[in-house]
PDB file of N, CA and C in Angstrom:
ATOM      1  N   MET A   1      -3.328  26.699 -17.125  1.00  0.00           N
ATOM      2  CA  MET A   1      -4.394  25.954 -17.796  1.00  0.00           C
ATOM      3  C   MET A   1      -3.854  25.381 -19.107  1.00  0.00           C
ATOM      4  N   ALA A   2      -4.291  24.169 -19.422  1.00  0.00           N
ATOM      5  CA  ALA A   2      -3.853  23.505 -20.644  1.00  0.00           C
ATOM      6  C   ALA A   2      -4.475  24.185 -21.854  1.00  0.00           C
ATOM      7  N   ASN A   3      -3.667  24.406 -22.880  1.00  0.00           N
ATOM      8  CA  ASN A   3      -4.147  25.082 -24.091  1.00  0.00           C
ATOM      9  C   ASN A   3      -4.208  24.162 -25.295  1.00  0.00           C
ATOM     10  N   THR A   4      -3.127  23.426 -25.538  1.00  0.00           N
ATOM     11  CA  THR A   4      -3.089  22.582 -26.730  1.00  0.00           C
ATOM     12  C   THR A   4      -3.926  21.322 -26.496  1.00  0.00           C
ATOM     13  N   PRO A   5      -4.410  20.720 -27.573  1.00  0.00           N
ATOM     14  CA  PRO A   5      -5.200  19.482 -27.424  1.00  0.00           C
ATOM     15  C   PRO A   5      -4.434  18.397 -26.671  1.00  0.00           C
ATOM     16  N   GLN A   6      -3.129  18.311 -26.944  1.00  0.00           N
ATOM     17  CA  GLN A   6      -2.322  17.289 -26.267  1.00  0.00           C
ATOM     18  C   GLN A   6      -2.261  17.540 -24.761  1.00  0.00           C
ATOM     19  N   SER A   7      -2.056  18.795 -24.383  1.00  0.00           N
ATOM     20  CA  SER A   7      -1.944  19.098 -22.955  1.00  0.00           C
ATOM     21  C   SER A   7      -3.295  18.920 -22.250  1.00  0.00           C
ATOM     22  N   LYS A   8      -4.390  19.171 -22.986  1.00  0.00           N
ATOM     23  CA  LYS A   8      -5.722  18.935 -22.413  1.00  0.00           C
ATOM     24  C   LYS A   8      -5.938  17.442 -22.157  1.00  0.00           C
ATOM     25  N   LYS A   9      -5.503  16.635 -23.120  1.00  0.00           N
ATOM     26  CA  LYS A   9      -5.633  15.188 -22.973  1.00  0.00           C
ATOM     27  C   LYS A   9      -4.776  14.695 -21.809  1.00  0.00           C
ATOM     28  N   ARG A  10      -3.552  15.209 -21.708  1.00  0.00           N
ATOM     29  CA  ARG A  10      -2.673  14.800 -20.618  1.00  0.00           C
ATOM     30  C   ARG A  10      -3.286  15.170 -19.263  1.00  0.00           C
ATOM     31  N   ALA A  11      -3.948  16.300 -19.202  1.00  0.00           N
ATOM     32  CA  ALA A  11      -4.596  16.728 -17.952  1.00  0.00           C
ATOM     33  C   ALA A  11      -5.724  15.767 -17.583  1.00  0.00           C
ATOM     34  N   ARG A  12      -6.495  15.335 -18.603  1.00  0.00           N
ATOM     35  CA  ARG A  12      -7.574  14.360 -18.358  1.00  0.00           C
ATOM     36  C   ARG A  12      -7.003  13.034 -17.885  1.00  0.00           C
ATOM     37  N   GLN A  13      -5.924  12.601 -18.532  1.00  0.00           N
ATOM     38  CA  GLN A  13      -5.306  11.327 -18.166  1.00  0.00           C
ATOM     39  C   GLN A  13      -4.760  11.387 -16.733  1.00  0.00           C
ATOM     40  N   ALA A  14      -4.134  12.507 -16.401  1.00  0.00           N
ATOM     41  CA  ALA A  14      -3.561  12.667 -15.063  1.00  0.00           C
ATOM     42  C   ALA A  14      -4.659  12.601 -14.005  1.00  0.00           C
ATOM     43  N   GLU A  15      -5.800  13.189 -14.328  1.00  0.00           N
ATOM     44  CA  GLU A  15      -6.947  13.172 -13.406  1.00  0.00           C
ATOM     45  C   GLU A  15      -7.406  11.735 -13.148  1.00  0.00           C
ATOM     46  N   ARG A  16      -7.521  10.960 -14.238  1.00  0.00           N
ATOM     47  CA  ARG A  16      -7.952   9.559 -14.106  1.00  0.00           C
ATOM     48  C   ARG A  16      -6.936   8.748 -13.320  1.00  0.00           C
ATOM     49  N   ARG A  17      -5.650   8.922 -13.630  1.00  0.00           N
ATOM     50  CA  ARG A  17      -4.595   8.174 -12.938  1.00  0.00           C
ATOM     51  C   ARG A  17      -4.591   8.507 -11.446  1.00  0.00           C
ATOM     52  N   THR A  18      -4.824   9.798 -11.130  1.00  0.00           N
ATOM     53  CA  THR A  18      -4.844  10.231  -9.738  1.00  0.00           C
ATOM     54  C   THR A  18      -5.917   9.482  -8.960  1.00  0.00           C
ATOM     55  N   GLU A  19      -7.091   9.342  -9.548  1.00  0.00           N
ATOM     56  CA  GLU A  19      -8.192   8.624  -8.891  1.00  0.00           C
ATOM     57  C   GLU A  19      -7.821   7.161  -8.655  1.00  0.00           C
ATOM     58  N   VAL A  20      -7.250   6.521  -9.674  1.00  0.00           N
ATOM     59  CA  VAL A  20      -6.876   5.110  -9.566  1.00  0.00           C
ATOM     60  C   VAL A  20      -5.801   4.935  -8.494  1.00  0.00           C
ATOM     61  N   ASN A  21      -4.794   5.820  -8.528  1.00  0.00           N
ATOM     62  CA  ASN A  21      -3.698   5.729  -7.562  1.00  0.00           C
ATOM     63  C   ASN A  21      -4.189   5.973  -6.136  1.00  0.00           C
ATOM     64  N   LYS A  22      -5.147   6.902  -5.996  1.00  0.00           N
ATOM     65  CA  LYS A  22      -5.713   7.185  -4.679  1.00  0.00           C
ATOM     66  C   LYS A  22      -6.392   5.944  -4.114  1.00  0.00           C
ATOM     67  N   ALA A  23      -7.144   5.257  -4.979  1.00  0.00           N
ATOM     68  CA  ALA A  23      -7.849   4.044  -4.553  1.00  0.00           C
ATOM     69  C   ALA A  23      -6.847   2.963  -4.161  1.00  0.00           C
ATOM     70  N   ARG A  24      -5.795   2.817  -4.952  1.00  0.00           N
ATOM     71  CA  ARG A  24      -4.782   1.794  -4.657  1.00  0.00           C
ATOM     72  C   ARG A  24      -4.055   2.097  -3.353  1.00  0.00           C
ATOM     73  N   ARG A  25      -3.691   3.360  -3.162  1.00  0.00           N
ATOM     74  CA  ARG A  25      -2.992   3.759  -1.940  1.00  0.00           C
ATOM     75  C   ARG A  25      -3.871   3.510  -0.723  1.00  0.00           C
ATOM     76  N   SER A  26      -5.150   3.814  -0.868  1.00  0.00           N
ATOM     77  CA  SER A  26      -6.105   3.597   0.219  1.00  0.00           C
ATOM     78  C   SER A  26      -6.210   2.115   0.546  1.00  0.00           C
ATOM     79  N   ARG A  27      -6.249   1.287  -0.483  1.00  0.00           N
ATOM     80  CA  ARG A  27      -6.346  -0.159  -0.300  1.00  0.00           C
ATOM     81  C   ARG A  27      -5.117  -0.707   0.438  1.00  0.00           C
ATOM     82  N   ILE A  28      -3.940  -0.214   0.065  1.00  0.00           N
ATOM     83  CA  ILE A  28      -2.699  -0.631   0.726  1.00  0.00           C
ATOM     84  C   ILE A  28      -2.744  -0.239   2.199  1.00  0.00           C
ATOM     85  N   ARG A  29      -3.163   0.988   2.469  1.00  0.00           N
ATOM     86  CA  ARG A  29      -3.225   1.474   3.853  1.00  0.00           C
ATOM     87  C   ARG A  29      -4.199   0.638   4.677  1.00  0.00           C
ATOM     88  N   THR A  30      -5.306   0.213   4.064  1.00  0.00           N
ATOM     89  CA  THR A  30      -6.281  -0.620   4.762  1.00  0.00           C
ATOM     90  C   THR A  30      -5.646  -1.946   5.172  1.00  0.00           C
ATOM     91  N   PHE A  31      -4.927  -2.573   4.258  1.00  0.00           N
ATOM     92  CA  PHE A  31      -4.275  -3.845   4.563  1.00  0.00           C
ATOM     93  C   PHE A  31      -3.242  -3.670   5.667  1.00  0.00           C
ATOM     94  N   LEU A  32      -2.475  -2.582   5.617  1.00  0.00           N
ATOM     95  CA  LEU A  32      -1.471  -2.327   6.647  1.00  0.00           C
ATOM     96  C   LEU A  32      -2.130  -2.052   7.994  1.00  0.00           C
ATOM     97  N   ARG A  33      -3.263  -1.358   7.974  1.00  0.00           N
ATOM     98  CA  ARG A  33      -3.981  -1.065   9.212  1.00  0.00           C
ATOM     99  C   ARG A  33      -4.488  -2.355   9.859  1.00  0.00           C
ATOM    100  N   LYS A  34      -4.933  -3.316   9.028  1.00  0.00           N
ATOM    101  CA  LYS A  34      -5.397  -4.596   9.560  1.00  0.00           C
ATOM    102  C   LYS A  34      -4.268  -5.328  10.279  1.00  0.00           C
ATOM    103  N   VAL A  35      -3.054  -5.243   9.725  1.00  0.00           N
ATOM    104  CA  VAL A  35      -1.895  -5.863  10.379  1.00  0.00           C
ATOM    105  C   VAL A  35      -1.633  -5.166  11.709  1.00  0.00           C
ATOM    106  N   GLU A  36      -1.653  -3.831  11.710  1.00  0.00           N
ATOM    107  CA  GLU A  36      -1.417  -3.046  12.929  1.00  0.00           C
ATOM    108  C   GLU A  36      -2.423  -3.420  14.017  1.00  0.00           C
ATOM    109  N   GLU A  37      -3.693  -3.542  13.621  1.00  0.00           N
ATOM    110  CA  GLU A  37      -4.736  -3.873  14.592  1.00  0.00           C
ATOM    111  C   GLU A  37      -4.537  -5.275  15.152  1.00  0.00           C
ATOM    112  N   ALA A  38      -4.134  -6.210  14.307  1.00  0.00           N
ATOM    113  CA  ALA A  38      -3.895  -7.580  14.764  1.00  0.00           C
ATOM    114  C   ALA A  38      -2.706  -7.621  15.722  1.00  0.00           C
ATOM    115  N   ILE A  39      -1.680  -6.813  15.440  1.00  0.00           N
ATOM    116  CA  ILE A  39      -0.518  -6.749  16.334  1.00  0.00           C
ATOM    117  C   ILE A  39      -0.943  -6.163  17.683  1.00  0.00           C
ATOM    118  N   ALA A  40      -1.753  -5.107  17.629  1.00  0.00           N
ATOM    119  CA  ALA A  40      -2.204  -4.447  18.859  1.00  0.00           C
ATOM    120  C   ALA A  40      -3.051  -5.379  19.719  1.00  0.00           C
ATOM    121  N   SER A  41      -3.835  -6.250  19.070  1.00  0.00           N
ATOM    122  CA  SER A  41      -4.678  -7.177  19.826  1.00  0.00           C
ATOM    123  C   SER A  41      -3.867  -8.314  20.429  1.00  0.00           C
ATOM    124  N   GLY A  42      -2.651  -8.541  19.917  1.00  0.00           N
ATOM    125  CA  GLY A  42      -1.779  -9.569  20.458  1.00  0.00           C
ATOM    126  C   GLY A  42      -2.037 -10.957  19.912  1.00  0.00           C
ATOM    127  N   ASP A  43      -2.829 -11.042  18.852  1.00  0.00           N
ATOM    128  CA  ASP A  43      -3.146 -12.344  18.239  1.00  0.00           C
ATOM    129  C   ASP A  43      -2.126 -12.635  17.143  1.00  0.00           C
ATOM    130  N   LYS A  44      -1.194 -13.540  17.442  1.00  0.00           N
ATOM    131  CA  LYS A  44      -0.095 -13.800  16.506  1.00  0.00           C
ATOM    132  C   LYS A  44      -0.593 -14.437  15.203  1.00  0.00           C
ATOM    133  N   ASP A  45      -1.548 -15.363  15.307  1.00  0.00           N
ATOM    134  CA  ASP A  45      -2.066 -16.029  14.106  1.00  0.00           C
ATOM    135  C   ASP A  45      -2.748 -15.029  13.177  1.00  0.00           C
ATOM    136  N   ALA A  46      -3.593 -14.182  13.758  1.00  0.00           N
ATOM    137  CA  ALA A  46      -4.293 -13.176  12.955  1.00  0.00           C
ATOM    138  C   ALA A  46      -3.310 -12.178  12.360  1.00  0.00           C
ATOM    139  N   ALA A  47      -2.303 -11.808  13.138  1.00  0.00           N
ATOM    140  CA  ALA A  47      -1.313 -10.834  12.670  1.00  0.00           C
ATOM    141  C   ALA A  47      -0.497 -11.395  11.507  1.00  0.00           C
ATOM    142  N   SER A  48      -0.094 -12.668  11.623  1.00  0.00           N
ATOM    143  CA  SER A  48       0.706 -13.253  10.536  1.00  0.00           C
ATOM    144  C   SER A  48      -0.151 -13.470   9.287  1.00  0.00           C
ATOM    145  N   ALA A  49      -1.427 -13.806   9.474  1.00  0.00           N
ATOM    146  CA  ALA A  49      -2.329 -13.952   8.330  1.00  0.00           C
ATOM    147  C   ALA A  49      -2.546 -12.611   7.646  1.00  0.00           C
ATOM    148  N   ALA A  50      -2.725 -11.566   8.455  1.00  0.00           N
ATOM    149  CA  ALA A  50      -2.920 -10.217   7.904  1.00  0.00           C
ATOM    150  C   ALA A  50      -1.662  -9.762   7.171  1.00  0.00           C
ATOM    151  N   LEU A  51      -0.503 -10.113   7.726  1.00  0.00           N
ATOM    152  CA  LEU A  51       0.768  -9.738   7.090  1.00  0.00           C
ATOM    153  C   LEU A  51       0.928 -10.442   5.748  1.00  0.00           C
ATOM    154  N   ARG A  52       0.559 -11.731   5.709  1.00  0.00           N
ATOM    155  CA  ARG A  52       0.655 -12.486   4.453  1.00  0.00           C
ATOM    156  C   ARG A  52      -0.268 -11.907   3.382  1.00  0.00           C
ATOM    157  N   SER A  53      -1.438 -11.408   3.793  1.00  0.00           N
ATOM    158  CA  SER A  53      -2.342 -10.826   2.799  1.00  0.00           C
ATOM    159  C   SER A  53      -1.914  -9.414   2.405  1.00  0.00           C
ATOM    160  N   ALA A  54      -1.209  -8.726   3.308  1.00  0.00           N
ATOM    161  CA  ALA A  54      -0.774  -7.353   3.021  1.00  0.00           C
ATOM    162  C   ALA A  54       0.438  -7.311   2.097  1.00  0.00           C
ATOM    163  N   GLN A  55       1.287  -8.344   2.169  1.00  0.00           N
ATOM    164  CA  GLN A  55       2.526  -8.316   1.390  1.00  0.00           C
ATOM    165  C   GLN A  55       2.289  -8.195  -0.113  1.00  0.00           C
ATOM    166  N   PRO A  56       1.455  -9.044  -0.734  1.00  0.00           N
ATOM    167  CA  PRO A  56       1.270  -8.889  -2.182  1.00  0.00           C
ATOM    168  C   PRO A  56       0.635  -7.552  -2.545  1.00  0.00           C
ATOM    169  N   GLU A  57      -0.213  -7.038  -1.660  1.00  0.00           N
ATOM    170  CA  GLU A  57      -0.857  -5.745  -1.918  1.00  0.00           C
ATOM    171  C   GLU A  57       0.195  -4.637  -1.939  1.00  0.00           C
ATOM    172  N   LEU A  58       1.106  -4.686  -0.996  1.00  0.00           N
ATOM    173  CA  LEU A  58       2.167  -3.683  -0.917  1.00  0.00           C
ATOM    174  C   LEU A  58       3.107  -3.795  -2.108  1.00  0.00           C
ATOM    175  N   MET A  59       3.449  -5.016  -2.502  1.00  0.00           N
ATOM    176  CA  MET A  59       4.348  -5.214  -3.641  1.00  0.00           C
ATOM    177  C   MET A  59       3.677  -4.814  -4.955  1.00  0.00           C
ATOM    178  N   ARG A  60       2.365  -4.980  -5.025  1.00  0.00           N
ATOM    179  CA  ARG A  60       1.627  -4.527  -6.201  1.00  0.00           C
ATOM    180  C   ARG A  60       1.722  -3.007  -6.298  1.00  0.00           C
ATOM    181  N   GLY A  61       1.685  -2.342  -5.147  1.00  0.00           N
ATOM    182  CA  GLY A  61       1.863  -0.889  -5.117  1.00  0.00           C
ATOM    183  C   GLY A  61       3.211  -0.479  -5.668  1.00  0.00           C
ATOM    184  N   VAL A  62       4.215  -1.324  -5.423  1.00  0.00           N
ATOM    185  CA  VAL A  62       5.561  -1.042  -5.952  1.00  0.00           C
ATOM    186  C   VAL A  62       5.554  -1.144  -7.466  1.00  0.00           C
ATOM    187  N   THR A  63       4.957  -2.216  -8.005  1.00  0.00           N
ATOM    188  CA  THR A  63       4.969  -2.398  -9.458  1.00  0.00           C
ATOM    189  C   THR A  63       4.151  -1.328 -10.162  1.00  0.00           C
ATOM    190  N   LYS A  64       3.118  -0.808  -9.475  1.00  0.00           N
ATOM    191  CA  LYS A  64       2.288   0.234 -10.075  1.00  0.00           C
ATOM    192  C   LYS A  64       2.863   1.630  -9.876  1.00  0.00           C
ATOM    193  N   GLY A  65       3.967   1.714  -9.129  1.00  0.00           N
ATOM    194  CA  GLY A  65       4.634   3.002  -8.957  1.00  0.00           C
ATOM    195  C   GLY A  65       4.008   3.896  -7.906  1.00  0.00           C
ATOM    196  N   ILE A  66       3.240   3.323  -6.996  1.00  0.00           N
ATOM    197  CA  ILE A  66       2.588   4.116  -5.950  1.00  0.00           C
ATOM    198  C   ILE A  66       3.494   4.226  -4.731  1.00  0.00           C
ATOM    199  N   VAL A  67       4.219   3.125  -4.451  1.00  0.00           N
ATOM    200  CA  VAL A  67       5.120   3.071  -3.305  1.00  0.00           C
ATOM    201  C   VAL A  67       6.518   2.757  -3.832  1.00  0.00           C
ATOM    202  N   HIS A  68       7.530   3.388  -3.253  1.00  0.00           N
ATOM    203  CA  HIS A  68       8.912   3.081  -3.637  1.00  0.00           C
ATOM    204  C   HIS A  68       9.286   1.699  -3.115  1.00  0.00           C
ATOM    205  N   LYS A  69      10.122   1.009  -3.866  1.00  0.00           N
ATOM    206  CA  LYS A  69      10.513  -0.365  -3.533  1.00  0.00           C
ATOM    207  C   LYS A  69      11.110  -0.462  -2.125  1.00  0.00           C
ATOM    208  N   ASN A  70      12.009   0.464  -1.796  1.00  0.00           N
ATOM    209  CA  ASN A  70      12.659   0.426  -0.481  1.00  0.00           C
ATOM    210  C   ASN A  70      11.669   0.725   0.640  1.00  0.00           C
ATOM    211  N   THR A  71      10.719   1.601   0.376  1.00  0.00           N
ATOM    212  CA  THR A  71       9.697   1.920   1.370  1.00  0.00           C
ATOM    213  C   THR A  71       8.874   0.681   1.684  1.00  0.00           C
ATOM    214  N   ALA A  72       8.475  -0.038   0.646  1.00  0.00           N
ATOM    215  CA  ALA A  72       7.681  -1.253   0.828  1.00  0.00           C
ATOM    216  C   ALA A  72       8.485  -2.304   1.578  1.00  0.00           C
ATOM    217  N   ALA A  73       9.756  -2.450   1.226  1.00  0.00           N
ATOM    218  CA  ALA A  73      10.617  -3.423   1.895  1.00  0.00           C
ATOM    219  C   ALA A  73      10.777  -3.065   3.364  1.00  0.00           C
ATOM    220  N   ARG A  74      10.949  -1.786   3.648  1.00  0.00           N
ATOM    221  CA  ARG A  74      11.105  -1.328   5.033  1.00  0.00           C
ATOM    222  C   ARG A  74       9.842  -1.600   5.840  1.00  0.00           C
ATOM    223  N   LYS A  75       8.685  -1.293   5.261  1.00  0.00           N
ATOM    224  CA  LYS A  75       7.410  -1.530   5.954  1.00  0.00           C
ATOM    225  C   LYS A  75       7.218  -3.013   6.248  1.00  0.00           C
ATOM    226  N   MET A  76       7.484  -3.860   5.251  1.00  0.00           N
ATOM    227  CA  MET A  76       7.317  -5.303   5.437  1.00  0.00           C
ATOM    228  C   MET A  76       8.280  -5.812   6.509  1.00  0.00           C
ATOM    229  N   SER A  77       9.508  -5.329   6.487  1.00  0.00           N
ATOM    230  CA  SER A  77      10.516  -5.771   7.445  1.00  0.00           C
ATOM    231  C   SER A  77      10.102  -5.406   8.870  1.00  0.00           C
ATOM    232  N   ARG A  78       9.675  -4.173   9.053  1.00  0.00           N
ATOM    233  CA  ARG A  78       9.311  -3.708  10.392  1.00  0.00           C
ATOM    234  C   ARG A  78       8.054  -4.412  10.898  1.00  0.00           C
ATOM    235  N   LEU A  79       7.069  -4.587  10.004  1.00  0.00           N
ATOM    236  CA  LEU A  79       5.849  -5.282  10.416  1.00  0.00           C
ATOM    237  C   LEU A  79       6.129  -6.738  10.772  1.00  0.00           C
ATOM    238  N   SER A  80       6.927  -7.404   9.934  1.00  0.00           N
ATOM    239  CA  SER A  80       7.199  -8.818  10.200  1.00  0.00           C
ATOM    240  C   SER A  80       7.993  -8.979  11.486  1.00  0.00           C
ATOM    241  N   ALA A  81       8.876  -8.037  11.799  1.00  0.00           N
ATOM    242  CA  ALA A  81       9.629  -8.087  13.055  1.00  0.00           C
ATOM    243  C   ALA A  81       8.682  -7.930  14.240  1.00  0.00           C
ATOM    244  N   ARG A  82       7.691  -7.038  14.102  1.00  0.00           N
ATOM    245  CA  ARG A  82       6.730  -6.827  15.189  1.00  0.00           C
ATOM    246  C   ARG A  82       5.808  -8.023  15.362  1.00  0.00           C
ATOM    247  N   VAL A  83       5.427  -8.664  14.243  1.00  0.00           N
ATOM    248  CA  VAL A  83       4.586  -9.861  14.324  1.00  0.00           C
ATOM    249  C   VAL A  83       5.367 -10.983  14.986  1.00  0.00           C
ATOM    250  N   LYS A  84       6.635 -11.102  14.629  1.00  0.00           N
ATOM    251  CA  LYS A  84       7.500 -12.152  15.180  1.00  0.00           C
ATOM    252  C   LYS A  84       7.696 -11.960  16.680  1.00  0.00           C
ATOM    253  N   ALA A  85       7.697 -10.702  17.129  1.00  0.00           N
ATOM    254  CA  ALA A  85       7.952 -10.393  18.533  1.00  0.00           C
ATOM    255  C   ALA A  85       6.757 -10.678  19.438  1.00  0.00           C
ATOM    256  N   ILE A  86       5.579 -10.914  18.852  1.00  0.00           N
ATOM    257  CA  ILE A  86       4.396 -11.211  19.680  1.00  0.00           C
ATOM    258  C   ILE A  86       4.645 -12.544  20.401  1.00  0.00           C
ATOM    259  N   ALA A  87       4.485 -12.530  21.715  1.00  0.00           N
ATOM    260  CA  ALA A  87       4.822 -13.730  22.496  1.00  0.00           C
ATOM    261  C   ALA A  87       3.747 -14.800  22.435  1.00  0.00           C
TER     262      ALA A  87
END
């Protein structure tokens, strides 16, 4: 348990940041899920549109420190390859 005033404040700040990060992570996952669903349906136009909207969201996660840069790059690469493969 936090004892000093500074450590109490840091605990409060960490709590707030956790909530914000949770919301951001959830938002990123939603965008990625939309791409997955569009790929599963086989609609190339919808899938590429979903991918275009998901990319800035994922990169924003990188700048905010929620997702590692390489993880985001890997996800985008794999998704774009799957969208490209839709006949």
